[in-house]
Amino acid sequence: MAKSIIWSKEASEDLIQILDYWNERNKSTEFSIKLYNQINDTIALVIHYPVLGRKTDFGDIKNIRAGVFNFF
C-alpha cells in the first residue's frame, strides 16, 4: 500500500503556477484554496486506496477524476 505521494519538482512548480493563475484571474484565493483542498483530498484517497483510478495507456499511470478535474 502506498504511504505517500512523491511530487516531482516539475509537478510542484506546476501546482504553484496553477494556483497563482487562479489567484490572479479571480482576484481572490477562494477558488485556489478549494482546488488545493480537492487535490489534497484526492491524494489522500490514492494513499488509502492505491488501486483507485482508471488504467491509462501509460504503464502504471492511472487517471483519477475529482469533480471537473482529472489527475494522472
C-alpha atoms as a PDB file:
ATOM      1  CA  MET A   1       0.000   0.000   0.000  1.00  0.00           C
ATOM      2  CA  ALA A   2       1.239   3.492  -0.853  1.00  0.00           C
ATOM      3  CA  LYS A   3       2.388   5.506   2.156  1.00  0.00           C
ATOM      4  CA  SER A   4       2.926   8.863   0.491  1.00  0.00           C
ATOM      5  CA  ILE A   5       2.879  10.657  -2.808  1.00  0.00           C
ATOM      6  CA  ILE A   6       6.190  11.974  -4.086  1.00  0.00           C
ATOM      7  CA  TRP A   7       5.821  15.123  -6.163  1.00  0.00           C
ATOM      8  CA  SER A   8       8.383  15.828  -8.839  1.00  0.00           C
ATOM      9  CA  LYS A   9       9.927  19.288  -8.862  1.00  0.00           C
ATOM     10  CA  GLU A  10       8.087  19.999 -12.126  1.00  0.00           C
ATOM     11  CA  ALA A  11       4.732  18.902 -10.671  1.00  0.00           C
ATOM     12  CA  SER A  12       5.253  21.074  -7.584  1.00  0.00           C
ATOM     13  CA  GLU A  13       6.119  24.082  -9.727  1.00  0.00           C
ATOM     14  CA  ASP A  14       3.111  23.421 -11.975  1.00  0.00           C
ATOM     15  CA  LEU A  15       0.795  23.321  -8.963  1.00  0.00           C
ATOM     16  CA  ILE A  16       2.122  26.642  -7.703  1.00  0.00           C
ATOM     17  CA  GLN A  17       1.701  28.198 -11.157  1.00  0.00           C
ATOM     18  CA  ILE A  18      -1.864  26.870 -11.455  1.00  0.00           C
ATOM     19  CA  LEU A  19      -2.849  28.219  -8.044  1.00  0.00           C
ATOM     20  CA  ASP A  20      -1.171  31.561  -8.785  1.00  0.00           C
ATOM     21  CA  TYR A  21      -3.036  31.753 -12.105  1.00  0.00           C
ATOM     22  CA  TRP A  22      -6.400  31.320 -10.406  1.00  0.00           C
ATOM     23  CA  ASN A  23      -5.486  33.814  -7.690  1.00  0.00           C
ATOM     24  CA  GLU A  24      -4.651  36.420 -10.354  1.00  0.00           C
ATOM     25  CA  ARG A  25      -7.623  35.599 -12.580  1.00  0.00           C
ATOM     26  CA  ASN A  26     -10.199  35.694  -9.799  1.00  0.00           C
ATOM     27  CA  LYS A  27      -8.502  38.398  -7.682  1.00  0.00           C
ATOM     28  CA  SER A  28      -9.160  36.067  -4.765  1.00  0.00           C
ATOM     29  CA  THR A  29      -7.687  32.958  -3.183  1.00  0.00           C
ATOM     30  CA  GLU A  30     -11.074  31.347  -2.566  1.00  0.00           C
ATOM     31  CA  PHE A  31     -11.077  29.115  -5.665  1.00  0.00           C
ATOM     32  CA  SER A  32      -7.383  28.259  -5.323  1.00  0.00           C
ATOM     33  CA  ILE A  33      -7.937  27.103  -1.754  1.00  0.00           C
ATOM     34  CA  LYS A  34     -10.857  24.924  -2.848  1.00  0.00           C
ATOM     35  CA  LEU A  35      -8.795  23.493  -5.692  1.00  0.00           C
ATOM     36  CA  TYR A  36      -5.817  22.816  -3.408  1.00  0.00           C
ATOM     37  CA  ASN A  37      -8.102  21.082  -0.894  1.00  0.00           C
ATOM     38  CA  GLN A  38      -9.639  18.979  -3.655  1.00  0.00           C
ATOM     39  CA  ILE A  39      -6.175  17.937  -4.811  1.00  0.00           C
ATOM     40  CA  ASN A  40      -5.189  17.002  -1.252  1.00  0.00           C
ATOM     41  CA  ASP A  41      -8.423  15.038  -0.772  1.00  0.00           C
ATOM     42  CA  THR A  42      -7.723  13.130  -3.981  1.00  0.00           C
ATOM     43  CA  ILE A  43      -4.169  12.395  -2.855  1.00  0.00           C
ATOM     44  CA  ALA A  44      -5.497  11.088   0.465  1.00  0.00           C
ATOM     45  CA  LEU A  45      -7.813   8.722  -1.428  1.00  0.00           C
ATOM     46  CA  VAL A  46      -4.935   7.442  -3.555  1.00  0.00           C
ATOM     47  CA  ILE A  47      -2.813   6.854  -0.457  1.00  0.00           C
ATOM     48  CA  HIS A  48      -5.642   4.967   1.230  1.00  0.00           C
ATOM     49  CA  TYR A  49      -6.793   3.120  -1.916  1.00  0.00           C
ATOM     50  CA  PRO A  50      -3.723   2.737  -4.174  1.00  0.00           C
ATOM     51  CA  VAL A  51      -5.624   0.731  -6.812  1.00  0.00           C
ATOM     52  CA  LEU A  52      -8.089   3.588  -7.285  1.00  0.00           C
ATOM     53  CA  GLY A  53      -8.342   5.096 -10.751  1.00  0.00           C
ATOM     54  CA  ARG A  54      -8.685   4.110 -14.374  1.00  0.00           C
ATOM     55  CA  LYS A  55      -5.838   2.496 -16.239  1.00  0.00           C
ATOM     56  CA  THR A  56      -4.231   4.536 -18.994  1.00  0.00           C
ATOM     57  CA  ASP A  57      -2.043   3.631 -21.945  1.00  0.00           C
ATOM     58  CA  PHE A  58       0.982   4.913 -19.997  1.00  0.00           C
ATOM     59  CA  GLY A  59       2.119   1.932 -17.931  1.00  0.00           C
ATOM     60  CA  ASP A  60       1.416   2.328 -14.219  1.00  0.00           C
ATOM     61  CA  ILE A  61      -0.104   5.796 -14.592  1.00  0.00           C
ATOM     62  CA  LYS A  62      -3.773   5.989 -13.671  1.00  0.00           C
ATOM     63  CA  ASN A  63      -6.411   8.655 -14.190  1.00  0.00           C
ATOM     64  CA  ILE A  64      -8.481   9.805 -11.242  1.00  0.00           C
ATOM     65  CA  ARG A  65     -11.422  12.149 -11.698  1.00  0.00           C
ATOM     66  CA  ALA A  66     -12.195  14.581  -8.891  1.00  0.00           C
ATOM     67  CA  GLY A  67     -15.017  16.969  -9.632  1.00  0.00           C
ATOM     68  CA  VAL A  68     -14.329  18.513 -13.020  1.00  0.00           C
ATOM     69  CA  PHE A  69     -10.599  17.760 -12.843  1.00  0.00           C
ATOM     70  CA  ASN A  70      -8.622  14.736 -13.981  1.00  0.00           C
ATOM     71  CA  PHE A  71      -5.485  13.769 -12.121  1.00  0.00           C
ATOM     72  CA  PHE A  72      -2.797  11.461 -13.528  1.00  0.00           C
END
